[in-house]
N, C-alpha and C. Protein backbone atom coordinates (compact mmCIF):
# COMPACT_ATOMS: atom_id res chain seq x y z
N MET A 1 0.83 -1.19 0.00
CA MET A 1 0.00 0.00 0.00
C MET A 1 0.87 1.25 0.00
N THR A 2 1.49 1.53 -1.08
CA THR A 2 2.33 2.72 -1.20
C THR A 2 1.87 3.53 -2.40
N ASP A 3 1.80 4.85 -2.23
CA ASP A 3 1.49 5.73 -3.36
C ASP A 3 2.70 5.72 -4.28
N SER A 4 2.51 5.23 -5.50
CA SER A 4 3.65 5.07 -6.40
C SER A 4 4.26 6.38 -6.86
N ASP A 5 3.48 7.47 -6.90
CA ASP A 5 4.03 8.75 -7.33
C ASP A 5 4.90 9.39 -6.25
N SER A 6 4.43 9.37 -5.02
CA SER A 6 5.17 10.04 -3.95
C SER A 6 6.05 9.09 -3.16
N GLY A 7 5.76 7.77 -3.25
CA GLY A 7 6.52 6.82 -2.47
C GLY A 7 6.07 6.76 -1.03
N ARG A 8 5.00 7.47 -0.70
CA ARG A 8 4.53 7.50 0.69
C ARG A 8 3.40 6.50 0.87
N ASP A 9 3.46 5.76 1.95
CA ASP A 9 2.37 4.85 2.25
C ASP A 9 1.30 5.61 3.05
N PRO A 10 0.10 5.05 3.20
CA PRO A 10 -0.98 5.75 3.90
C PRO A 10 -0.62 6.20 5.32
N GLU A 11 0.09 5.36 6.05
CA GLU A 11 0.47 5.75 7.41
C GLU A 11 1.38 6.97 7.40
N THR A 12 2.30 7.02 6.47
CA THR A 12 3.22 8.17 6.37
C THR A 12 2.45 9.45 6.06
N ILE A 13 1.49 9.37 5.15
CA ILE A 13 0.68 10.55 4.81
C ILE A 13 -0.05 11.07 6.05
N VAL A 14 -0.65 10.16 6.80
CA VAL A 14 -1.43 10.57 7.97
C VAL A 14 -0.52 11.08 9.09
N ARG A 15 0.60 10.44 9.31
CA ARG A 15 1.54 10.96 10.33
C ARG A 15 2.05 12.36 9.95
N GLU A 16 2.24 12.57 8.66
CA GLU A 16 2.66 13.89 8.19
C GLU A 16 1.61 14.94 8.53
N TYR A 17 0.34 14.57 8.44
CA TYR A 17 -0.75 15.48 8.82
C TYR A 17 -0.52 16.01 10.24
N TYR A 18 -0.28 15.13 11.20
CA TYR A 18 -0.11 15.56 12.60
C TYR A 18 1.13 16.44 12.76
N ASP A 19 2.21 16.08 12.07
CA ASP A 19 3.42 16.90 12.13
C ASP A 19 3.15 18.31 11.61
N LEU A 20 2.43 18.41 10.51
CA LEU A 20 2.16 19.72 9.89
C LEU A 20 1.20 20.56 10.72
N VAL A 21 0.16 19.95 11.28
CA VAL A 21 -0.77 20.73 12.09
C VAL A 21 -0.06 21.24 13.35
N ASP A 22 0.79 20.43 13.94
CA ASP A 22 1.53 20.87 15.14
C ASP A 22 2.52 21.97 14.83
N ALA A 23 3.03 22.00 13.59
CA ALA A 23 4.00 23.02 13.18
C ALA A 23 3.32 24.25 12.58
N ASP A 24 1.98 24.27 12.57
CA ASP A 24 1.22 25.38 11.96
C ASP A 24 1.59 25.59 10.50
N GLU A 25 1.88 24.53 9.79
CA GLU A 25 2.23 24.56 8.37
C GLU A 25 0.98 24.24 7.55
N TYR A 26 0.02 25.16 7.53
CA TYR A 26 -1.30 24.88 6.99
C TYR A 26 -1.33 24.78 5.47
N GLY A 27 -0.46 25.46 4.77
CA GLY A 27 -0.40 25.33 3.32
C GLY A 27 -0.01 23.92 2.92
N ASP A 28 1.05 23.39 3.53
CA ASP A 28 1.46 22.02 3.24
C ASP A 28 0.43 21.02 3.77
N LEU A 29 -0.19 21.35 4.89
CA LEU A 29 -1.20 20.47 5.47
C LEU A 29 -2.37 20.27 4.51
N VAL A 30 -2.93 21.34 3.97
CA VAL A 30 -4.10 21.18 3.09
C VAL A 30 -3.72 20.47 1.79
N ASP A 31 -2.45 20.51 1.42
CA ASP A 31 -2.01 19.78 0.23
C ASP A 31 -2.11 18.27 0.40
N LEU A 32 -2.25 17.79 1.63
CA LEU A 32 -2.42 16.36 1.88
C LEU A 32 -3.84 15.88 1.57
N PHE A 33 -4.76 16.83 1.32
CA PHE A 33 -6.17 16.52 1.14
C PHE A 33 -6.60 16.72 -0.31
N THR A 34 -7.69 16.04 -0.68
CA THR A 34 -8.30 16.25 -1.99
C THR A 34 -8.99 17.60 -2.02
N ASP A 35 -9.24 18.12 -3.22
CA ASP A 35 -9.93 19.41 -3.36
C ASP A 35 -11.31 19.38 -2.72
N ASP A 36 -11.98 18.24 -2.78
CA ASP A 36 -13.35 18.13 -2.24
C ASP A 36 -13.39 17.41 -0.89
N VAL A 37 -12.35 17.57 -0.11
CA VAL A 37 -12.27 16.93 1.21
C VAL A 37 -13.52 17.20 2.04
N ARG A 38 -13.86 16.24 2.86
CA ARG A 38 -14.97 16.39 3.81
C ARG A 38 -14.41 16.02 5.18
N TYR A 39 -14.50 16.96 6.14
CA TYR A 39 -13.98 16.77 7.49
C TYR A 39 -15.15 16.90 8.45
N GLU A 40 -15.45 15.82 9.14
CA GLU A 40 -16.59 15.79 10.05
C GLU A 40 -16.12 15.70 11.49
N ARG A 41 -16.77 16.53 12.33
CA ARG A 41 -16.49 16.58 13.76
C ARG A 41 -17.83 16.58 14.49
N PRO A 42 -18.13 15.58 15.31
CA PRO A 42 -19.43 15.53 16.00
C PRO A 42 -19.73 16.83 16.74
N GLY A 43 -20.96 17.29 16.58
CA GLY A 43 -21.40 18.50 17.28
C GLY A 43 -20.95 19.79 16.63
N GLN A 44 -20.25 19.71 15.51
CA GLN A 44 -19.75 20.90 14.83
C GLN A 44 -20.03 20.77 13.33
N GLY A 45 -20.01 21.86 12.64
CA GLY A 45 -20.29 21.84 11.22
C GLY A 45 -19.25 21.07 10.43
N THR A 46 -19.70 20.45 9.35
CA THR A 46 -18.81 19.73 8.46
C THR A 46 -18.03 20.72 7.61
N ILE A 47 -16.75 20.46 7.45
CA ILE A 47 -15.90 21.27 6.60
C ILE A 47 -15.81 20.57 5.26
N GLU A 48 -16.13 21.30 4.18
CA GLU A 48 -16.11 20.71 2.85
C GLU A 48 -15.29 21.60 1.92
N SER A 49 -14.24 21.08 1.39
CA SER A 49 -13.32 21.68 0.42
C SER A 49 -11.98 22.01 1.08
N ARG A 50 -10.98 22.01 0.25
CA ARG A 50 -9.63 22.32 0.72
C ARG A 50 -9.54 23.78 1.20
N GLY A 51 -10.23 24.70 0.51
CA GLY A 51 -10.23 26.10 0.92
C GLY A 51 -10.86 26.29 2.28
N ALA A 52 -11.98 25.63 2.52
CA ALA A 52 -12.65 25.72 3.82
C ALA A 52 -11.79 25.10 4.91
N LEU A 53 -11.07 24.04 4.58
CA LEU A 53 -10.19 23.41 5.55
C LEU A 53 -9.06 24.35 5.95
N ARG A 54 -8.50 25.03 4.97
CA ARG A 54 -7.42 25.99 5.27
C ARG A 54 -7.95 27.13 6.14
N THR A 55 -9.13 27.65 5.80
CA THR A 55 -9.74 28.71 6.62
C THR A 55 -9.94 28.24 8.05
N PHE A 56 -10.41 27.01 8.21
CA PHE A 56 -10.61 26.46 9.55
C PHE A 56 -9.31 26.48 10.34
N TYR A 57 -8.24 25.95 9.76
CA TYR A 57 -6.98 25.88 10.49
C TYR A 57 -6.36 27.25 10.73
N GLU A 58 -6.51 28.16 9.81
CA GLU A 58 -5.89 29.48 9.97
C GLU A 58 -6.71 30.43 10.84
N GLU A 59 -8.05 30.29 10.84
CA GLU A 59 -8.88 31.30 11.49
C GLU A 59 -9.88 30.77 12.51
N GLU A 60 -10.27 29.51 12.42
CA GLU A 60 -11.39 29.04 13.23
C GLU A 60 -11.06 27.93 14.21
N ARG A 61 -9.93 27.33 14.12
CA ARG A 61 -9.59 26.20 14.98
C ARG A 61 -9.59 26.64 16.44
N PRO A 62 -10.35 25.96 17.30
CA PRO A 62 -10.44 26.39 18.69
C PRO A 62 -9.18 26.12 19.51
N LEU A 63 -8.34 25.20 19.05
CA LEU A 63 -7.09 24.91 19.76
C LEU A 63 -6.03 25.88 19.27
N GLU A 64 -5.43 26.59 20.20
CA GLU A 64 -4.49 27.66 19.83
C GLU A 64 -3.08 27.14 19.53
N GLU A 65 -2.67 26.15 20.24
CA GLU A 65 -1.34 25.60 20.05
C GLU A 65 -1.30 24.25 20.75
N GLY A 66 -0.29 23.48 20.45
CA GLY A 66 -0.15 22.20 21.12
C GLY A 66 0.44 21.15 20.22
N SER A 67 0.40 19.91 20.70
CA SER A 67 0.98 18.83 19.93
C SER A 67 0.17 17.55 20.12
N HIS A 68 0.21 16.76 19.07
CA HIS A 68 -0.44 15.47 19.06
C HIS A 68 0.58 14.38 19.38
N GLU A 69 0.17 13.40 20.14
CA GLU A 69 0.96 12.20 20.33
C GLU A 69 0.15 11.04 19.76
N VAL A 70 0.71 10.39 18.78
CA VAL A 70 0.03 9.26 18.14
C VAL A 70 0.38 8.00 18.92
N HIS A 71 -0.65 7.29 19.40
CA HIS A 71 -0.44 6.06 20.17
C HIS A 71 -0.57 4.82 19.30
N ASP A 72 -1.58 4.79 18.43
CA ASP A 72 -1.83 3.64 17.58
C ASP A 72 -2.24 4.09 16.19
N VAL A 73 -1.80 3.36 15.19
CA VAL A 73 -2.20 3.60 13.80
C VAL A 73 -2.57 2.25 13.19
N VAL A 74 -3.75 2.19 12.58
CA VAL A 74 -4.19 0.98 11.91
C VAL A 74 -4.58 1.36 10.48
N VAL A 75 -3.98 0.69 9.52
CA VAL A 75 -4.28 0.92 8.11
C VAL A 75 -5.12 -0.26 7.63
N ASP A 76 -6.29 0.06 7.05
CA ASP A 76 -7.20 -0.97 6.57
C ASP A 76 -7.51 -0.72 5.10
N GLU A 77 -7.43 -1.77 4.32
CA GLU A 77 -7.82 -1.70 2.91
C GLU A 77 -8.98 -2.65 2.70
N ASP A 78 -10.11 -2.12 2.23
CA ASP A 78 -11.28 -2.97 2.03
C ASP A 78 -11.15 -3.78 0.73
N SER A 79 -12.14 -4.61 0.46
CA SER A 79 -12.08 -5.50 -0.69
C SER A 79 -12.07 -4.77 -2.04
N GLU A 80 -12.46 -3.49 -2.03
CA GLU A 80 -12.45 -2.70 -3.26
C GLU A 80 -11.22 -1.80 -3.35
N GLY A 81 -10.28 -1.95 -2.43
CA GLY A 81 -9.04 -1.19 -2.47
C GLY A 81 -9.08 0.16 -1.78
N ARG A 82 -10.20 0.51 -1.15
CA ARG A 82 -10.27 1.79 -0.43
C ARG A 82 -9.51 1.67 0.89
N VAL A 83 -8.73 2.69 1.19
CA VAL A 83 -7.87 2.67 2.36
C VAL A 83 -8.36 3.67 3.40
N THR A 84 -8.46 3.19 4.64
CA THR A 84 -8.78 4.03 5.79
C THR A 84 -7.66 3.87 6.80
N VAL A 85 -7.22 4.99 7.37
CA VAL A 85 -6.20 4.96 8.40
C VAL A 85 -6.84 5.45 9.70
N ALA A 86 -6.85 4.59 10.71
CA ALA A 86 -7.40 4.93 12.02
C ALA A 86 -6.26 5.29 12.96
N VAL A 87 -6.45 6.36 13.72
CA VAL A 87 -5.41 6.85 14.63
C VAL A 87 -6.02 7.08 16.00
N ARG A 88 -5.35 6.57 17.03
CA ARG A 88 -5.71 6.88 18.42
C ARG A 88 -4.55 7.63 19.01
N GLY A 89 -4.87 8.73 19.72
CA GLY A 89 -3.79 9.51 20.30
C GLY A 89 -4.27 10.47 21.35
N SER A 90 -3.38 11.37 21.71
CA SER A 90 -3.73 12.41 22.68
C SER A 90 -3.19 13.74 22.19
N PHE A 91 -3.83 14.79 22.67
CA PHE A 91 -3.44 16.16 22.31
C PHE A 91 -3.22 16.92 23.61
N SER A 92 -2.17 17.70 23.64
CA SER A 92 -1.87 18.57 24.77
C SER A 92 -1.54 19.95 24.23
N GLY A 93 -2.24 20.96 24.74
CA GLY A 93 -2.01 22.31 24.24
C GLY A 93 -2.80 23.34 24.99
N ARG A 94 -3.30 24.35 24.23
CA ARG A 94 -4.04 25.46 24.83
C ARG A 94 -5.30 25.73 24.03
N GLN A 95 -6.35 26.10 24.76
CA GLN A 95 -7.61 26.53 24.17
C GLN A 95 -8.14 27.65 25.04
N ASN A 96 -8.47 28.78 24.41
CA ASN A 96 -8.92 29.96 25.16
C ASN A 96 -7.91 30.34 26.24
N GLU A 97 -6.64 30.21 25.90
CA GLU A 97 -5.52 30.55 26.77
C GLU A 97 -5.43 29.68 28.02
N GLU A 98 -6.13 28.55 28.02
CA GLU A 98 -6.09 27.60 29.14
C GLU A 98 -5.48 26.29 28.67
N PRO A 99 -4.76 25.60 29.56
CA PRO A 99 -4.23 24.28 29.18
C PRO A 99 -5.36 23.30 28.87
N VAL A 100 -5.14 22.44 27.90
CA VAL A 100 -6.12 21.43 27.54
C VAL A 100 -5.40 20.13 27.18
N GLU A 101 -5.97 19.03 27.61
CA GLU A 101 -5.49 17.70 27.23
C GLU A 101 -6.69 16.86 26.88
N LEU A 102 -6.59 16.12 25.79
CA LEU A 102 -7.71 15.28 25.39
C LEU A 102 -7.22 14.08 24.60
N GLY A 103 -8.02 13.05 24.62
CA GLY A 103 -7.77 11.88 23.79
C GLY A 103 -8.58 12.01 22.51
N PHE A 104 -8.12 11.36 21.45
CA PHE A 104 -8.86 11.43 20.19
C PHE A 104 -8.74 10.12 19.43
N ALA A 105 -9.71 9.93 18.56
CA ALA A 105 -9.67 8.87 17.55
C ALA A 105 -10.03 9.53 16.23
N ASP A 106 -9.17 9.40 15.26
CA ASP A 106 -9.37 9.99 13.94
C ASP A 106 -9.40 8.88 12.89
N PHE A 107 -10.21 9.11 11.87
CA PHE A 107 -10.28 8.20 10.74
C PHE A 107 -10.05 9.00 9.47
N HIS A 108 -9.08 8.59 8.68
CA HIS A 108 -8.71 9.27 7.45
C HIS A 108 -8.96 8.32 6.29
N GLU A 109 -9.91 8.68 5.42
CA GLU A 109 -10.18 7.87 4.22
C GLU A 109 -9.39 8.48 3.07
N LEU A 110 -8.58 7.67 2.41
CA LEU A 110 -7.80 8.16 1.28
C LEU A 110 -8.60 8.07 -0.01
N ASN A 111 -8.21 8.87 -0.99
CA ASN A 111 -8.85 8.82 -2.30
C ASN A 111 -8.48 7.51 -3.00
N ASP A 112 -9.07 7.26 -4.16
CA ASP A 112 -8.84 6.01 -4.88
C ASP A 112 -7.37 5.80 -5.23
N ALA A 113 -6.65 6.87 -5.51
CA ALA A 113 -5.23 6.76 -5.85
C ALA A 113 -4.37 6.50 -4.61
N GLY A 114 -4.92 6.73 -3.43
CA GLY A 114 -4.18 6.50 -2.19
C GLY A 114 -3.13 7.54 -1.90
N ASP A 115 -3.24 8.72 -2.53
CA ASP A 115 -2.21 9.74 -2.35
C ASP A 115 -2.70 11.00 -1.65
N ALA A 116 -3.97 11.02 -1.21
CA ALA A 116 -4.51 12.20 -0.53
C ALA A 116 -5.68 11.77 0.36
N ILE A 117 -5.92 12.55 1.39
CA ILE A 117 -7.01 12.28 2.32
C ILE A 117 -8.28 12.91 1.75
N ALA A 118 -9.31 12.07 1.55
CA ALA A 118 -10.57 12.54 0.98
C ALA A 118 -11.61 12.85 2.06
N ARG A 119 -11.58 12.10 3.16
CA ARG A 119 -12.52 12.33 4.26
C ARG A 119 -11.78 12.14 5.57
N ARG A 120 -12.18 12.92 6.55
CA ARG A 120 -11.57 12.82 7.87
C ARG A 120 -12.67 12.95 8.90
N TYR A 121 -12.63 12.08 9.88
CA TYR A 121 -13.59 12.10 10.99
C TYR A 121 -12.80 12.18 12.28
N THR A 122 -13.21 13.05 13.19
CA THR A 122 -12.53 13.20 14.46
C THR A 122 -13.50 12.97 15.61
N PHE A 123 -13.07 12.21 16.59
CA PHE A 123 -13.83 11.99 17.81
C PHE A 123 -12.89 12.26 18.97
N THR A 124 -13.34 13.02 19.96
CA THR A 124 -12.51 13.31 21.13
C THR A 124 -13.22 12.82 22.39
N ASP A 125 -12.49 12.79 23.50
CA ASP A 125 -13.10 12.38 24.75
C ASP A 125 -13.73 13.56 25.48
N ARG A 126 -14.02 14.63 24.73
CA ARG A 126 -14.74 15.80 25.24
C ARG A 126 -15.98 16.01 24.40
N ASP A 127 -16.96 16.71 24.94
CA ASP A 127 -18.19 16.96 24.18
C ASP A 127 -17.93 17.76 22.92
N LYS A 128 -17.09 18.78 23.02
CA LYS A 128 -16.73 19.58 21.86
C LYS A 128 -15.46 20.32 22.17
N LEU A 129 -14.82 20.82 21.12
CA LEU A 129 -13.58 21.59 21.29
C LEU A 129 -13.92 23.06 21.35
C-alpha cells in the first residue's frame, strides 16, 4: 500500500498530517487533502473543500497551540481497495488561553489513488472543542 508517485504509504501521509498541524504549516497540510475533502467533527459543522479546511486551520480552529501524540495507527484496505487509516492519540495544548489535554480517535479515508485524504472524521473524549 504505497502511493507510487510520492513513495509514501498511507500511514506516512497521515503521520505527516499531525506533524504539519503541530507546526502550523497549513499550506502544506491542506495539500495532503483532496480538493473536495470532507472533514466531520461531531457536534460541529462539516468542513467541505480544501479552501474551507485551510480557513478552519488558519482562522477558526479552537485549539491555539499544542501537539499530538500518536499512540496507535491501523491501516485498513477494504475488498475494493479503499484505504482508511485509524489513529488513536492524545493532544496537549491550549484553548482559550487555558491548558487542555484530550484523547482522540481519527479516521482518514484516502482517495482512490491512495495519495490524498478525501474524508476525515474526528472523535474526542470531550463533548466539543
